Each structure stands twice: as structure tokens, then as C-alpha cells.
Amino acid sequence: MKFFVDTAEVAEIADLAATGLLDGVTTNPSLVAKSGRNFFEVVREICALIEGPVSAEVTATSYDQMVAEGRRLAELAPNVCVKLPLIWDGLKACHTLSSDGIKVNVTLCFAPAQALLAAKAGATFVSPFVGRLDDIGHDGMQLIAEIVEIFRNYRSTLSTEVLVASARHPGHVVEAARLGADVITLPPKVLHQLALHPLTDKGLAAFLKDWEASGQRILD
């Protein structure tokens, strides 16, 4: 499963990219606004740090404007993936941009039928939001299971990847991987949490204590 990070903070992305664990980045207007920086500068800098896709979202809601904004975003860097909302005009724009060879991430997906429409429209990725479904008492991971099952039935004709979004904790990551999702996008905090376990910390402390008592050194 590929790991994307969900942030517009360039310094965080650079730090995570240095681990070799990062396959892409997702942003949205809220994240870029939070950074307080120029939108185009932020997207260009992120694209220079990451070889994989960088999702940059349009702000328009009409077909013509979404297509125009999507083409403008795609000019910023070859690895820009235009992010479109899963509304009717968004699906039309997805078809147009995908036909032009532009990568598209269709976002705000909350139902299997929506995901199927995005795939039919030619989306590179479809982003079902698991955390937001959990917030209203639904089972977000059940949505992932259903979309993965549907897409597997048509892999010879549908190439859209399932990009799990709105992940809130490591449990979402593990369950998405078990279900066979292609990608998950995570806040930096959650990506760091994946490496944590109390027994790891306890074991390391014991090893270091024993090594210190031995009086030896690996480097002088």
C-alpha cells in the first residue's frame, strides 16, 4: 500500500520524504490556507520534493471552471494530480481532464456508487473519507471494503486506485491494508504513530542499559 501525507507544510513533507516512506502528497484549500503561503508556490515546492503524485484541489464547482482550474494546476509540475469534488460537474471535468492525460483525484466520496462513477469517468484515484463517516456513526472501513470488492471485479476495465482519506489513527491504516486499498493518505502525526509501540521503547531501553554497563563503544 502506498503512503501519501495529507498536509501543505513543506518542512514536514521534506522531513518525511527523507525516510523513503512517502509515495505522494494530498492537499486541499483548507490545508494551504492554514499554511498562510501562496498556493502556487506551495504546490511547486511540494512537487519538487516528491516524485509521486501531489494532489492540488480546484476551488470551482462548475464544469467549465473546474476544467480551466485543473489545466492551470497541471501546468505547475508534471506530478500534479488535479483534485475534483465528487459532484456531477466534477465527474464531467474528471472525464475531460483524464482524456487530456491529466491525473485526477476525485475526492469527498462517501458511497460505493459514487466511487464507481468516478472510476467510470477515468479518475486516477478516488478518495473515500473513512473518518468523517465514523464521525456520524457509520463504518468508514466498510465503505473501503465495498469499493475494493467492486473494483476487483472490473480490474480489466477500471484502473482507478482506492485512496483512503480522512484516516484518523493507525487502526485505519492497518485495516485499509488488510482490505487491499491501494493508497492511504495520512496526517503527519498519524504516519509517525505507525512506528510507535511501548514494547519497542521498553526493549530499546533495556538494550541500551545493558550496553552501557558493558563499558564498550562502537565508535571511539
C-alpha atoms as a PDB file:
ATOM      1  CA  MET A   1       0.000   0.000   0.000  1.00  0.00           C
ATOM      2  CA  LYS A   2       1.245   3.460  -0.892  1.00  0.00           C
ATOM      3  CA  PHE A   3       1.525   6.153   1.771  1.00  0.00           C
ATOM      4  CA  PHE A   4       0.576   9.732   0.977  1.00  0.00           C
ATOM      5  CA  VAL A   5       0.796  12.512   3.552  1.00  0.00           C
ATOM      6  CA  ASP A   6      -2.084  14.963   3.939  1.00  0.00           C
ATOM      7  CA  THR A   7      -0.527  18.369   4.569  1.00  0.00           C
ATOM      8  CA  ALA A   8       0.642  21.562   2.888  1.00  0.00           C
ATOM      9  CA  GLU A   9       3.529  22.150   5.297  1.00  0.00           C
ATOM     10  CA  VAL A  10       6.632  21.926   3.116  1.00  0.00           C
ATOM     11  CA  ALA A  11       9.066  21.359   6.004  1.00  0.00           C
ATOM     12  CA  GLU A  12       7.032  18.374   7.252  1.00  0.00           C
ATOM     13  CA  ILE A  13       6.924  16.893   3.786  1.00  0.00           C
ATOM     14  CA  ALA A  14      10.685  17.281   3.336  1.00  0.00           C
ATOM     15  CA  ASP A  15      11.326  15.525   6.652  1.00  0.00           C
ATOM     16  CA  LEU A  16       9.022  12.630   5.790  1.00  0.00           C
ATOM     17  CA  ALA A  17      10.371  12.334   2.254  1.00  0.00           C
ATOM     18  CA  ALA A  18      13.837  11.750   3.705  1.00  0.00           C
ATOM     19  CA  THR A  19      12.588   8.469   5.219  1.00  0.00           C
ATOM     20  CA  GLY A  20      11.795   6.950   1.830  1.00  0.00           C
ATOM     21  CA  LEU A  21       8.325   6.043   3.131  1.00  0.00           C
ATOM     22  CA  LEU A  22       6.407   8.707   1.246  1.00  0.00           C
ATOM     23  CA  ASP A  23       4.802   7.954  -2.119  1.00  0.00           C
ATOM     24  CA  GLY A  24       2.789  11.130  -2.622  1.00  0.00           C
ATOM     25  CA  VAL A  25       1.045  14.115  -1.060  1.00  0.00           C
ATOM     26  CA  THR A  26      -2.538  15.302  -0.815  1.00  0.00           C
ATOM     27  CA  THR A  27      -3.505  18.897  -0.134  1.00  0.00           C
ATOM     28  CA  ASN A  28      -6.765  20.833  -0.093  1.00  0.00           C
ATOM     29  CA  PRO A  29      -7.725  24.525   0.069  1.00  0.00           C
ATOM     30  CA  SER A  30      -8.080  24.376   3.862  1.00  0.00           C
ATOM     31  CA  LEU A  31      -4.569  22.969   4.346  1.00  0.00           C
ATOM     32  CA  VAL A  32      -2.987  25.514   2.007  1.00  0.00           C
ATOM     33  CA  ALA A  33      -4.855  28.376   3.670  1.00  0.00           C
ATOM     34  CA  LYS A  34      -3.619  27.137   7.051  1.00  0.00           C
ATOM     35  CA  SER A  35      -0.030  27.364   5.811  1.00  0.00           C
ATOM     36  CA  GLY A  36      -0.516  31.080   5.142  1.00  0.00           C
ATOM     37  CA  ARG A  37       1.534  30.892   1.953  1.00  0.00           C
ATOM     38  CA  ASN A  38       0.946  31.453  -1.760  1.00  0.00           C
ATOM     39  CA  PHE A  39      -0.920  28.473  -3.184  1.00  0.00           C
ATOM     40  CA  PHE A  40       1.091  28.119  -6.384  1.00  0.00           C
ATOM     41  CA  GLU A  41       4.430  28.428  -4.589  1.00  0.00           C
ATOM     42  CA  VAL A  42       3.439  25.742  -2.089  1.00  0.00           C
ATOM     43  CA  VAL A  43       2.352  23.299  -4.787  1.00  0.00           C
ATOM     44  CA  ARG A  44       5.539  23.839  -6.815  1.00  0.00           C
ATOM     45  CA  GLU A  45       7.753  23.304  -3.773  1.00  0.00           C
ATOM     46  CA  ILE A  46       5.948  20.115  -2.770  1.00  0.00           C
ATOM     47  CA  CYS A  47       6.148  18.746  -6.310  1.00  0.00           C
ATOM     48  CA  ALA A  48       9.906  19.349  -6.305  1.00  0.00           C
ATOM     49  CA  LEU A  49      10.283  17.319  -3.098  1.00  0.00           C
ATOM     50  CA  ILE A  50       8.153  14.330  -4.114  1.00  0.00           C
ATOM     51  CA  GLU A  51       8.409  12.215  -7.244  1.00  0.00           C
ATOM     52  CA  GLY A  52       4.929  10.765  -6.756  1.00  0.00           C
ATOM     53  CA  PRO A  53       1.570  12.465  -7.307  1.00  0.00           C
ATOM     54  CA  VAL A  54       0.732  15.672  -5.474  1.00  0.00           C
ATOM     55  CA  SER A  55      -2.998  16.338  -5.275  1.00  0.00           C
ATOM     56  CA  ALA A  56      -3.919  20.009  -5.696  1.00  0.00           C
ATOM     57  CA  GLU A  57      -7.604  20.832  -5.471  1.00  0.00           C
ATOM     58  CA  VAL A  58      -9.712  23.131  -7.621  1.00  0.00           C
ATOM     59  CA  THR A  59     -11.978  25.624  -5.893  1.00  0.00           C
ATOM     60  CA  ALA A  60     -14.577  25.955  -8.654  1.00  0.00           C
ATOM     61  CA  THR A  61     -17.827  23.963  -8.687  1.00  0.00           C
ATOM     62  CA  SER A  62     -18.919  24.394 -12.330  1.00  0.00           C
ATOM     63  CA  TYR A  63     -17.660  22.174 -15.153  1.00  0.00           C
ATOM     64  CA  ASP A  64     -16.034  24.899 -17.269  1.00  0.00           C
ATOM     65  CA  GLN A  65     -14.250  26.488 -14.323  1.00  0.00           C
ATOM     66  CA  MET A  66     -13.091  23.167 -12.890  1.00  0.00           C
ATOM     67  CA  VAL A  67     -11.585  22.208 -16.234  1.00  0.00           C
ATOM     68  CA  ALA A  68      -9.883  25.609 -16.558  1.00  0.00           C
ATOM     69  CA  GLU A  69      -8.514  25.478 -13.000  1.00  0.00           C
ATOM     70  CA  GLY A  70      -7.467  21.840 -13.437  1.00  0.00           C
ATOM     71  CA  ARG A  71      -5.472  22.636 -16.554  1.00  0.00           C
ATOM     72  CA  ARG A  72      -3.825  25.559 -14.786  1.00  0.00           C
ATOM     73  CA  LEU A  73      -2.828  23.355 -11.852  1.00  0.00           C
ATOM     74  CA  ALA A  74      -1.486  20.645 -14.150  1.00  0.00           C
ATOM     75  CA  GLU A  75       0.898  23.222 -15.662  1.00  0.00           C
ATOM     76  CA  LEU A  76       2.630  23.717 -12.303  1.00  0.00           C
ATOM     77  CA  ALA A  77       4.520  20.397 -12.379  1.00  0.00           C
ATOM     78  CA  PRO A  78       4.327  17.042 -14.181  1.00  0.00           C
ATOM     79  CA  ASN A  79       3.380  15.195 -10.971  1.00  0.00           C
ATOM     80  CA  VAL A  80       0.371  17.369 -10.105  1.00  0.00           C
ATOM     81  CA  CYS A  81      -2.809  15.342  -9.672  1.00  0.00           C
ATOM     82  CA  VAL A  82      -5.883  17.545 -10.003  1.00  0.00           C
ATOM     83  CA  LYS A  83      -8.323  17.058  -7.149  1.00  0.00           C
ATOM     84  CA  LEU A  84     -12.017  17.373  -8.032  1.00  0.00           C
ATOM     85  CA  PRO A  85     -15.128  17.107  -5.834  1.00  0.00           C
ATOM     86  CA  LEU A  86     -17.448  14.170  -6.408  1.00  0.00           C
ATOM     87  CA  ILE A  87     -20.330  16.185  -7.833  1.00  0.00           C
ATOM     88  CA  TRP A  88     -21.888  15.830 -11.276  1.00  0.00           C
ATOM     89  CA  ASP A  89     -19.840  18.605 -12.863  1.00  0.00           C
ATOM     90  CA  GLY A  90     -16.785  17.193 -11.116  1.00  0.00           C
ATOM     91  CA  LEU A  91     -17.323  13.857 -12.851  1.00  0.00           C
ATOM     92  CA  LYS A  92     -17.661  15.595 -16.211  1.00  0.00           C
ATOM     93  CA  ALA A  93     -14.477  17.548 -15.535  1.00  0.00           C
ATOM     94  CA  CYS A  94     -12.750  14.318 -14.495  1.00  0.00           C
ATOM     95  CA  HIS A  95     -13.583  12.742 -17.833  1.00  0.00           C
ATOM     96  CA  THR A  96     -12.311  15.763 -19.760  1.00  0.00           C
ATOM     97  CA  LEU A  97      -9.061  16.163 -17.820  1.00  0.00           C
ATOM     98  CA  SER A  98      -8.348  12.431 -17.750  1.00  0.00           C
ATOM     99  CA  SER A  99      -8.864  12.298 -21.508  1.00  0.00           C
ATOM    100  CA  ASP A 100      -6.193  15.006 -21.774  1.00  0.00           C
ATOM    101  CA  GLY A 101      -3.747  12.773 -19.882  1.00  0.00           C
ATOM    102  CA  ILE A 102      -4.009  14.711 -16.609  1.00  0.00           C
ATOM    103  CA  LYS A 103      -4.077  12.707 -13.373  1.00  0.00           C
ATOM    104  CA  VAL A 104      -7.265  13.241 -11.366  1.00  0.00           C
ATOM    105  CA  ASN A 105      -8.136  12.515  -7.737  1.00  0.00           C
ATOM    106  CA  VAL A 106     -11.912  12.549  -7.177  1.00  0.00           C
ATOM    107  CA  THR A 107     -12.480  13.465  -3.547  1.00  0.00           C
ATOM    108  CA  LEU A 108     -15.294  13.566  -0.981  1.00  0.00           C
ATOM    109  CA  CYS A 109     -16.527  10.062  -1.783  1.00  0.00           C
ATOM    110  CA  PHE A 110     -18.939   8.570   0.761  1.00  0.00           C
ATOM    111  CA  ALA A 111     -20.676   5.736  -1.120  1.00  0.00           C
ATOM    112  CA  PRO A 112     -19.681   2.793  -3.349  1.00  0.00           C
ATOM    113  CA  ALA A 113     -21.893   4.057  -6.169  1.00  0.00           C
ATOM    114  CA  GLN A 114     -20.031   7.372  -6.138  1.00  0.00           C
ATOM    115  CA  ALA A 115     -16.702   5.548  -6.356  1.00  0.00           C
ATOM    116  CA  LEU A 116     -17.895   3.526  -9.332  1.00  0.00           C
ATOM    117  CA  LEU A 117     -18.946   6.702 -11.144  1.00  0.00           C
ATOM    118  CA  ALA A 118     -15.533   8.267 -10.514  1.00  0.00           C
ATOM    119  CA  ALA A 119     -13.795   5.198 -11.896  1.00  0.00           C
ATOM    120  CA  LYS A 120     -16.014   5.180 -14.977  1.00  0.00           C
ATOM    121  CA  ALA A 121     -15.189   8.860 -15.500  1.00  0.00           C
ATOM    122  CA  GLY A 122     -11.493   7.969 -15.647  1.00  0.00           C
ATOM    123  CA  ALA A 123     -10.240   9.035 -12.217  1.00  0.00           C
ATOM    124  CA  THR A 124      -6.666   8.091 -11.333  1.00  0.00           C
ATOM    125  CA  PHE A 125      -7.693   7.950  -7.664  1.00  0.00           C
ATOM    126  CA  VAL A 126     -10.978   8.038  -5.794  1.00  0.00           C
ATOM    127  CA  SER A 127     -10.849   9.233  -2.178  1.00  0.00           C
ATOM    128  CA  PRO A 128     -13.412   7.729   0.211  1.00  0.00           C
ATOM    129  CA  PHE A 129     -13.437   9.532   3.577  1.00  0.00           C
ATOM    130  CA  VAL A 130     -13.452   6.991   6.399  1.00  0.00           C
ATOM    131  CA  GLY A 131     -13.032   9.267   9.417  1.00  0.00           C
ATOM    132  CA  ARG A 132     -15.919  11.528   8.509  1.00  0.00           C
ATOM    133  CA  LEU A 133     -18.205   8.506   8.148  1.00  0.00           C
ATOM    134  CA  ASP A 134     -17.071   7.197  11.536  1.00  0.00           C
ATOM    135  CA  ASP A 135     -17.883  10.623  12.989  1.00  0.00           C
ATOM    136  CA  ILE A 136     -21.569  10.242  12.108  1.00  0.00           C
ATOM    137  CA  GLY A 137     -21.857   6.676  13.343  1.00  0.00           C
ATOM    138  CA  HIS A 138     -21.218   4.852  10.060  1.00  0.00           C
ATOM    139  CA  ASP A 139     -18.485   2.290   9.396  1.00  0.00           C
ATOM    140  CA  GLY A 140     -15.926   4.022   7.208  1.00  0.00           C
ATOM    141  CA  MET A 141     -13.867   0.888   6.649  1.00  0.00           C
ATOM    142  CA  GLN A 142     -16.935  -0.975   5.401  1.00  0.00           C
ATOM    143  CA  LEU A 143     -17.058   1.583   2.591  1.00  0.00           C
ATOM    144  CA  ILE A 144     -13.454   0.744   1.701  1.00  0.00           C
ATOM    145  CA  ALA A 145     -14.235  -2.977   1.702  1.00  0.00           C
ATOM    146  CA  GLU A 146     -17.155  -2.470  -0.677  1.00  0.00           C
ATOM    147  CA  ILE A 147     -15.245  -0.240  -3.096  1.00  0.00           C
ATOM    148  CA  VAL A 148     -12.230  -2.572  -3.188  1.00  0.00           C
ATOM    149  CA  GLU A 149     -14.536  -5.531  -3.856  1.00  0.00           C
ATOM    150  CA  ILE A 150     -16.311  -3.737  -6.707  1.00  0.00           C
ATOM    151  CA  PHE A 151     -13.097  -2.536  -8.339  1.00  0.00           C
ATOM    152  CA  ARG A 152     -11.566  -6.015  -8.160  1.00  0.00           C
ATOM    153  CA  ASN A 153     -14.470  -7.325 -10.232  1.00  0.00           C
ATOM    154  CA  TYR A 154     -13.532  -4.991 -13.087  1.00  0.00           C
ATOM    155  CA  ARG A 155      -9.744  -4.665 -12.974  1.00  0.00           C
ATOM    156  CA  SER A 156      -9.519  -5.388 -16.697  1.00  0.00           C
ATOM    157  CA  THR A 157     -11.508  -2.216 -17.467  1.00  0.00           C
ATOM    158  CA  LEU A 158     -11.122   0.028 -14.386  1.00  0.00           C
ATOM    159  CA  SER A 159      -7.670   1.255 -13.342  1.00  0.00           C
ATOM    160  CA  THR A 160      -8.747   3.723 -10.632  1.00  0.00           C
ATOM    161  CA  GLU A 161      -6.900   3.318  -7.324  1.00  0.00           C
ATOM    162  CA  VAL A 162      -8.684   3.411  -3.957  1.00  0.00           C
ATOM    163  CA  LEU A 163      -7.123   6.221  -1.913  1.00  0.00           C
ATOM    164  CA  VAL A 164      -8.296   6.002   1.703  1.00  0.00           C
ATOM    165  CA  ALA A 165      -8.729   9.535   3.057  1.00  0.00           C
ATOM    166  CA  SER A 166      -9.703  11.096   6.386  1.00  0.00           C
ATOM    167  CA  ALA A 167      -7.685   8.458   8.241  1.00  0.00           C
ATOM    168  CA  ARG A 168      -7.568   9.294  11.935  1.00  0.00           C
ATOM    169  CA  HIS A 169      -5.399   6.626  13.593  1.00  0.00           C
ATOM    170  CA  PRO A 170      -3.089   3.644  12.920  1.00  0.00           C
ATOM    171  CA  GLY A 171      -6.040   1.259  13.066  1.00  0.00           C
ATOM    172  CA  HIS A 172      -7.407   2.803   9.897  1.00  0.00           C
ATOM    173  CA  VAL A 173      -4.067   2.171   8.189  1.00  0.00           C
ATOM    174  CA  VAL A 174      -3.853  -1.484   9.171  1.00  0.00           C
ATOM    175  CA  GLU A 175      -7.460  -2.209   8.232  1.00  0.00           C
ATOM    176  CA  ALA A 176      -7.083  -0.430   4.876  1.00  0.00           C
ATOM    177  CA  ALA A 177      -4.010  -2.545   4.133  1.00  0.00           C
ATOM    178  CA  ARG A 178      -5.827  -5.746   5.120  1.00  0.00           C
ATOM    179  CA  LEU A 179      -8.681  -4.857   2.775  1.00  0.00           C
ATOM    180  CA  GLY A 180      -6.300  -4.230  -0.120  1.00  0.00           C
ATOM    181  CA  ALA A 181      -6.695  -0.467  -0.574  1.00  0.00           C
ATOM    182  CA  ASP A 182      -4.132   0.921  -2.993  1.00  0.00           C
ATOM    183  CA  VAL A 183      -3.226   4.114  -1.123  1.00  0.00           C
ATOM    184  CA  ILE A 184      -3.855   5.820   2.205  1.00  0.00           C
ATOM    185  CA  THR A 185      -3.276   9.488   2.940  1.00  0.00           C
ATOM    186  CA  LEU A 186      -2.372  10.410   6.491  1.00  0.00           C
ATOM    187  CA  PRO A 187      -1.771  13.473   8.625  1.00  0.00           C
ATOM    188  CA  PRO A 188       1.940  13.561   9.556  1.00  0.00           C
ATOM    189  CA  LYS A 189       1.052  12.809  13.191  1.00  0.00           C
ATOM    190  CA  VAL A 190      -0.633   9.517  12.272  1.00  0.00           C
ATOM    191  CA  LEU A 191       2.234   8.491   9.993  1.00  0.00           C
ATOM    192  CA  HIS A 192       4.648   8.966  12.907  1.00  0.00           C
ATOM    193  CA  GLN A 193       2.334   6.981  15.215  1.00  0.00           C
ATOM    194  CA  LEU A 194       2.722   3.916  12.994  1.00  0.00           C
ATOM    195  CA  ALA A 195       6.295   3.469  14.270  1.00  0.00           C
ATOM    196  CA  LEU A 196       5.349   3.612  17.948  1.00  0.00           C
ATOM    197  CA  HIS A 197       4.870   0.699  20.346  1.00  0.00           C
ATOM    198  CA  PRO A 198       5.513   0.651  24.109  1.00  0.00           C
ATOM    199  CA  LEU A 199       7.313  -2.690  23.916  1.00  0.00           C
ATOM    200  CA  THR A 200       9.703  -1.250  21.341  1.00  0.00           C
ATOM    201  CA  ASP A 201      10.553   1.582  23.724  1.00  0.00           C
ATOM    202  CA  LYS A 202      10.892  -0.810  26.660  1.00  0.00           C
ATOM    203  CA  GLY A 203      13.108  -3.206  24.734  1.00  0.00           C
ATOM    204  CA  LEU A 204      15.359  -0.431  23.450  1.00  0.00           C
ATOM    205  CA  ALA A 205      15.792   0.998  26.943  1.00  0.00           C
ATOM    206  CA  ALA A 206      16.840  -2.435  28.238  1.00  0.00           C
ATOM    207  CA  PHE A 207      19.312  -2.971  25.392  1.00  0.00           C
ATOM    208  CA  LEU A 208      20.902   0.435  25.911  1.00  0.00           C
ATOM    209  CA  LYS A 209      21.165  -0.085  29.670  1.00  0.00           C
ATOM    210  CA  ASP A 210      22.923  -3.437  29.203  1.00  0.00           C
ATOM    211  CA  TRP A 211      25.254  -1.999  26.581  1.00  0.00           C
ATOM    212  CA  GLU A 212      26.168   0.939  28.799  1.00  0.00           C
ATOM    213  CA  ALA A 213      27.001  -1.459  31.637  1.00  0.00           C
ATOM    214  CA  SER A 214      29.366  -3.385  29.351  1.00  0.00           C
ATOM    215  CA  GLY A 215      31.613  -0.338  29.008  1.00  0.00           C
ATOM    216  CA  GLN A 216      32.056  -0.942  25.277  1.00  0.00           C
ATOM    217  CA  ARG A 217      31.696   1.513  22.367  1.00  0.00           C
ATOM    218  CA  ILE A 218      31.033   1.009  18.677  1.00  0.00           C
ATOM    219  CA  LEU A 219      32.658   4.318  17.751  1.00  0.00           C
ATOM    220  CA  ASP A 220      35.548   5.927  19.636  1.00  0.00           C
END
